Amino acid sequence: MVETNVEVKLKTGLQARQAALFVQEANRYKAEVYLKKEEKKVNAKSIMGIMSLAIARGTTVTLIADGSDESDAIKGLSSIIQKAD
């Protein structure tokens, strides 16, 4: 299992369009992937789960991946969250 904290740098946070892109990327990996904000943890492959976190720019979230390609998943998903637009 790999876990890392990431600051959201997207201008609109992880809302609507960006959340959809994030979920699409998460679904490319075999690993189980979760996104945690404060004490709430959701499946990163679920658009409804991601949207329920209401992640704004500047928020620090925890990415958690567990599986054969966990390192790749963390790397790929972190790059989406940290992309300043």
N, C-alpha and C. Protein backbone atom coordinates (compact mmCIF):
# COMPACT_ATOMS: atom_id res chain seq x y z
N MET A 1 0.85 -1.18 0.00
CA MET A 1 0.00 0.00 0.00
C MET A 1 0.90 1.24 0.00
N VAL A 2 0.54 2.20 -0.84
CA VAL A 2 1.25 3.47 -0.94
C VAL A 2 0.28 4.58 -0.59
N GLU A 3 0.77 5.55 0.18
CA GLU A 3 -0.06 6.67 0.62
C GLU A 3 0.76 7.95 0.54
N THR A 4 0.16 9.02 0.01
CA THR A 4 0.86 10.29 -0.08
C THR A 4 -0.10 11.46 0.07
N ASN A 5 0.38 12.55 0.65
CA ASN A 5 -0.41 13.77 0.78
C ASN A 5 -0.10 14.68 -0.40
N VAL A 6 -1.14 15.27 -0.97
CA VAL A 6 -1.00 16.11 -2.16
C VAL A 6 -1.84 17.36 -1.99
N GLU A 7 -1.27 18.52 -2.35
CA GLU A 7 -2.04 19.76 -2.33
C GLU A 7 -2.70 19.95 -3.69
N VAL A 8 -3.97 20.27 -3.69
CA VAL A 8 -4.72 20.50 -4.93
C VAL A 8 -4.38 21.88 -5.46
N LYS A 9 -3.84 21.93 -6.68
CA LYS A 9 -3.44 23.20 -7.28
C LYS A 9 -4.33 23.60 -8.45
N LEU A 10 -5.30 22.77 -8.78
CA LEU A 10 -6.23 23.08 -9.86
C LEU A 10 -7.04 24.32 -9.50
N LYS A 11 -7.20 25.24 -10.44
CA LYS A 11 -7.90 26.50 -10.19
C LYS A 11 -9.30 26.29 -9.62
N THR A 12 -10.02 25.32 -10.17
CA THR A 12 -11.39 25.07 -9.72
C THR A 12 -11.46 23.95 -8.69
N GLY A 13 -10.32 23.49 -8.22
CA GLY A 13 -10.32 22.36 -7.30
C GLY A 13 -10.65 21.09 -8.07
N LEU A 14 -11.11 20.09 -7.37
CA LEU A 14 -11.45 18.81 -8.01
C LEU A 14 -12.97 18.73 -8.15
N GLN A 15 -13.51 19.60 -9.00
CA GLN A 15 -14.94 19.69 -9.23
C GLN A 15 -15.26 19.33 -10.69
N ALA A 16 -16.45 18.87 -10.93
CA ALA A 16 -17.02 18.58 -12.25
C ALA A 16 -16.04 18.01 -13.26
N ARG A 17 -15.60 18.83 -14.20
CA ARG A 17 -14.76 18.36 -15.31
C ARG A 17 -13.46 17.74 -14.81
N GLN A 18 -12.80 18.41 -13.88
CA GLN A 18 -11.53 17.89 -13.35
C GLN A 18 -11.74 16.58 -12.59
N ALA A 19 -12.84 16.48 -11.88
CA ALA A 19 -13.16 15.25 -11.14
C ALA A 19 -13.39 14.10 -12.12
N ALA A 20 -14.06 14.38 -13.23
CA ALA A 20 -14.30 13.35 -14.25
C ALA A 20 -12.99 12.86 -14.84
N LEU A 21 -12.08 13.78 -15.13
CA LEU A 21 -10.76 13.40 -15.67
C LEU A 21 -9.98 12.58 -14.65
N PHE A 22 -10.08 12.97 -13.39
CA PHE A 22 -9.40 12.25 -12.32
C PHE A 22 -9.92 10.81 -12.22
N VAL A 23 -11.23 10.64 -12.27
CA VAL A 23 -11.86 9.31 -12.17
C VAL A 23 -11.47 8.46 -13.38
N GLN A 24 -11.45 9.06 -14.56
CA GLN A 24 -11.03 8.32 -15.77
C GLN A 24 -9.61 7.80 -15.61
N GLU A 25 -8.73 8.65 -15.10
CA GLU A 25 -7.34 8.24 -14.87
C GLU A 25 -7.27 7.14 -13.82
N ALA A 26 -8.01 7.28 -12.74
CA ALA A 26 -8.01 6.28 -11.66
C ALA A 26 -8.46 4.91 -12.18
N ASN A 27 -9.39 4.91 -13.11
CA ASN A 27 -9.91 3.65 -13.65
C ASN A 27 -8.94 2.96 -14.61
N ARG A 28 -7.86 3.61 -14.96
CA ARG A 28 -6.85 3.00 -15.81
C ARG A 28 -5.98 2.02 -15.03
N TYR A 29 -6.02 2.10 -13.72
CA TYR A 29 -5.15 1.29 -12.87
C TYR A 29 -5.90 0.11 -12.25
N LYS A 30 -5.17 -0.98 -12.07
CA LYS A 30 -5.75 -2.17 -11.45
C LYS A 30 -5.84 -2.01 -9.94
N ALA A 31 -4.96 -1.21 -9.37
CA ALA A 31 -4.92 -1.01 -7.92
C ALA A 31 -6.22 -0.39 -7.41
N GLU A 32 -6.54 -0.71 -6.17
CA GLU A 32 -7.64 -0.01 -5.50
C GLU A 32 -7.10 1.36 -5.13
N VAL A 33 -7.86 2.41 -5.46
CA VAL A 33 -7.39 3.77 -5.23
C VAL A 33 -8.45 4.53 -4.42
N TYR A 34 -7.98 5.23 -3.40
CA TYR A 34 -8.86 6.01 -2.54
C TYR A 34 -8.35 7.43 -2.40
N LEU A 35 -9.26 8.34 -2.16
CA LEU A 35 -8.93 9.73 -1.91
C LEU A 35 -9.52 10.08 -0.56
N LYS A 36 -8.70 10.68 0.29
CA LYS A 36 -9.13 10.99 1.65
C LYS A 36 -8.97 12.48 1.92
N LYS A 37 -10.04 13.08 2.43
CA LYS A 37 -10.02 14.49 2.84
C LYS A 37 -10.48 14.51 4.28
N GLU A 38 -9.60 14.99 5.15
CA GLU A 38 -9.85 14.96 6.59
C GLU A 38 -10.13 13.52 7.01
N GLU A 39 -11.30 13.21 7.50
CA GLU A 39 -11.59 11.84 7.94
C GLU A 39 -12.47 11.07 6.96
N LYS A 40 -12.83 11.69 5.83
CA LYS A 40 -13.70 11.02 4.86
C LYS A 40 -12.86 10.41 3.73
N LYS A 41 -13.04 9.12 3.51
CA LYS A 41 -12.28 8.38 2.51
C LYS A 41 -13.26 7.81 1.48
N VAL A 42 -12.98 8.07 0.18
CA VAL A 42 -13.87 7.58 -0.88
C VAL A 42 -13.08 6.84 -1.94
N ASN A 43 -13.78 6.02 -2.68
CA ASN A 43 -13.20 5.31 -3.82
C ASN A 43 -12.89 6.34 -4.92
N ALA A 44 -11.64 6.42 -5.34
CA ALA A 44 -11.23 7.41 -6.34
C ALA A 44 -11.73 7.05 -7.74
N LYS A 45 -12.34 5.89 -7.89
CA LYS A 45 -12.88 5.48 -9.19
C LYS A 45 -14.36 5.81 -9.29
N SER A 46 -14.88 6.52 -8.29
CA SER A 46 -16.30 6.89 -8.24
C SER A 46 -16.46 8.41 -8.33
N ILE A 47 -17.12 8.87 -9.39
CA ILE A 47 -17.33 10.31 -9.57
C ILE A 47 -18.17 10.88 -8.42
N MET A 48 -19.16 10.14 -7.97
CA MET A 48 -20.00 10.63 -6.87
C MET A 48 -19.20 10.74 -5.58
N GLY A 49 -18.31 9.79 -5.35
CA GLY A 49 -17.46 9.85 -4.17
C GLY A 49 -16.55 11.07 -4.18
N ILE A 50 -15.91 11.30 -5.32
CA ILE A 50 -15.01 12.45 -5.46
C ILE A 50 -15.79 13.75 -5.27
N MET A 51 -16.93 13.87 -5.92
CA MET A 51 -17.73 15.09 -5.82
C MET A 51 -18.21 15.34 -4.38
N SER A 52 -18.46 14.27 -3.64
CA SER A 52 -18.94 14.42 -2.26
C SER A 52 -17.90 15.04 -1.33
N LEU A 53 -16.64 14.99 -1.73
CA LEU A 53 -15.58 15.57 -0.89
C LEU A 53 -15.49 17.09 -1.03
N ALA A 54 -16.04 17.64 -2.11
CA ALA A 54 -16.00 19.09 -2.34
C ALA A 54 -14.59 19.66 -2.15
N ILE A 55 -13.67 19.18 -2.96
CA ILE A 55 -12.26 19.55 -2.82
C ILE A 55 -11.97 20.85 -3.57
N ALA A 56 -11.55 21.85 -2.82
CA ALA A 56 -11.24 23.17 -3.38
C ALA A 56 -9.72 23.32 -3.56
N ARG A 57 -9.35 24.32 -4.33
CA ARG A 57 -7.94 24.63 -4.53
C ARG A 57 -7.29 24.93 -3.18
N GLY A 58 -6.08 24.42 -2.99
CA GLY A 58 -5.35 24.64 -1.75
C GLY A 58 -5.59 23.60 -0.68
N THR A 59 -6.55 22.71 -0.91
CA THR A 59 -6.85 21.63 0.03
C THR A 59 -5.78 20.55 -0.09
N THR A 60 -5.37 20.00 1.04
CA THR A 60 -4.45 18.86 1.02
C THR A 60 -5.27 17.60 1.20
N VAL A 61 -5.08 16.66 0.28
CA VAL A 61 -5.79 15.38 0.33
C VAL A 61 -4.76 14.26 0.40
N THR A 62 -5.21 13.09 0.78
CA THR A 62 -4.35 11.91 0.83
C THR A 62 -4.78 10.94 -0.26
N LEU A 63 -3.82 10.55 -1.08
CA LEU A 63 -4.05 9.53 -2.10
C LEU A 63 -3.55 8.20 -1.55
N ILE A 64 -4.37 7.17 -1.68
CA ILE A 64 -4.02 5.85 -1.18
C ILE A 64 -4.23 4.86 -2.33
N ALA A 65 -3.22 4.03 -2.59
CA ALA A 65 -3.36 3.01 -3.63
C ALA A 65 -2.83 1.69 -3.10
N ASP A 66 -3.50 0.60 -3.48
CA ASP A 66 -3.11 -0.72 -3.03
C ASP A 66 -3.33 -1.70 -4.17
N GLY A 67 -2.24 -2.24 -4.70
CA GLY A 67 -2.35 -3.20 -5.79
C GLY A 67 -1.06 -3.26 -6.61
N SER A 68 -1.10 -4.02 -7.67
CA SER A 68 0.10 -4.28 -8.47
C SER A 68 0.71 -3.03 -9.10
N ASP A 69 -0.10 -2.05 -9.44
CA ASP A 69 0.42 -0.83 -10.07
C ASP A 69 0.19 0.40 -9.18
N GLU A 70 0.26 0.19 -7.87
CA GLU A 70 -0.02 1.26 -6.91
C GLU A 70 0.89 2.48 -7.07
N SER A 71 2.17 2.26 -7.33
CA SER A 71 3.10 3.39 -7.48
C SER A 71 2.77 4.22 -8.71
N ASP A 72 2.45 3.55 -9.80
CA ASP A 72 2.06 4.26 -11.03
C ASP A 72 0.77 5.05 -10.81
N ALA A 73 -0.17 4.46 -10.08
CA ALA A 73 -1.44 5.13 -9.81
C ALA A 73 -1.22 6.40 -9.00
N ILE A 74 -0.42 6.31 -7.98
CA ILE A 74 -0.13 7.49 -7.14
C ILE A 74 0.54 8.58 -7.98
N LYS A 75 1.50 8.18 -8.77
CA LYS A 75 2.24 9.14 -9.61
C LYS A 75 1.31 9.82 -10.61
N GLY A 76 0.51 9.04 -11.32
CA GLY A 76 -0.39 9.59 -12.33
C GLY A 76 -1.47 10.48 -11.76
N LEU A 77 -2.07 10.07 -10.67
CA LEU A 77 -3.15 10.84 -10.04
C LEU A 77 -2.62 12.09 -9.35
N SER A 78 -1.45 11.99 -8.76
CA SER A 78 -0.84 13.17 -8.13
C SER A 78 -0.57 14.26 -9.16
N SER A 79 -0.11 13.83 -10.34
CA SER A 79 0.20 14.83 -11.38
C SER A 79 -1.04 15.58 -11.83
N ILE A 80 -2.20 14.94 -11.83
CA ILE A 80 -3.45 15.62 -12.20
C ILE A 80 -3.82 16.64 -11.14
N ILE A 81 -3.75 16.26 -9.89
CA ILE A 81 -4.14 17.13 -8.78
C ILE A 81 -3.20 18.34 -8.65
N GLN A 82 -1.94 18.12 -8.91
CA GLN A 82 -0.94 19.18 -8.71
C GLN A 82 -0.73 20.05 -9.93
N LYS A 83 -1.47 19.80 -11.00
CA LYS A 83 -1.32 20.59 -12.21
C LYS A 83 -1.96 21.96 -12.00
N ALA A 84 -1.14 22.97 -12.05
CA ALA A 84 -1.66 24.35 -11.91
C ALA A 84 -2.18 24.79 -13.26
N ASP A 85 -3.46 25.14 -13.31
CA ASP A 85 -4.04 25.57 -14.60
C ASP A 85 -4.38 27.02 -14.60
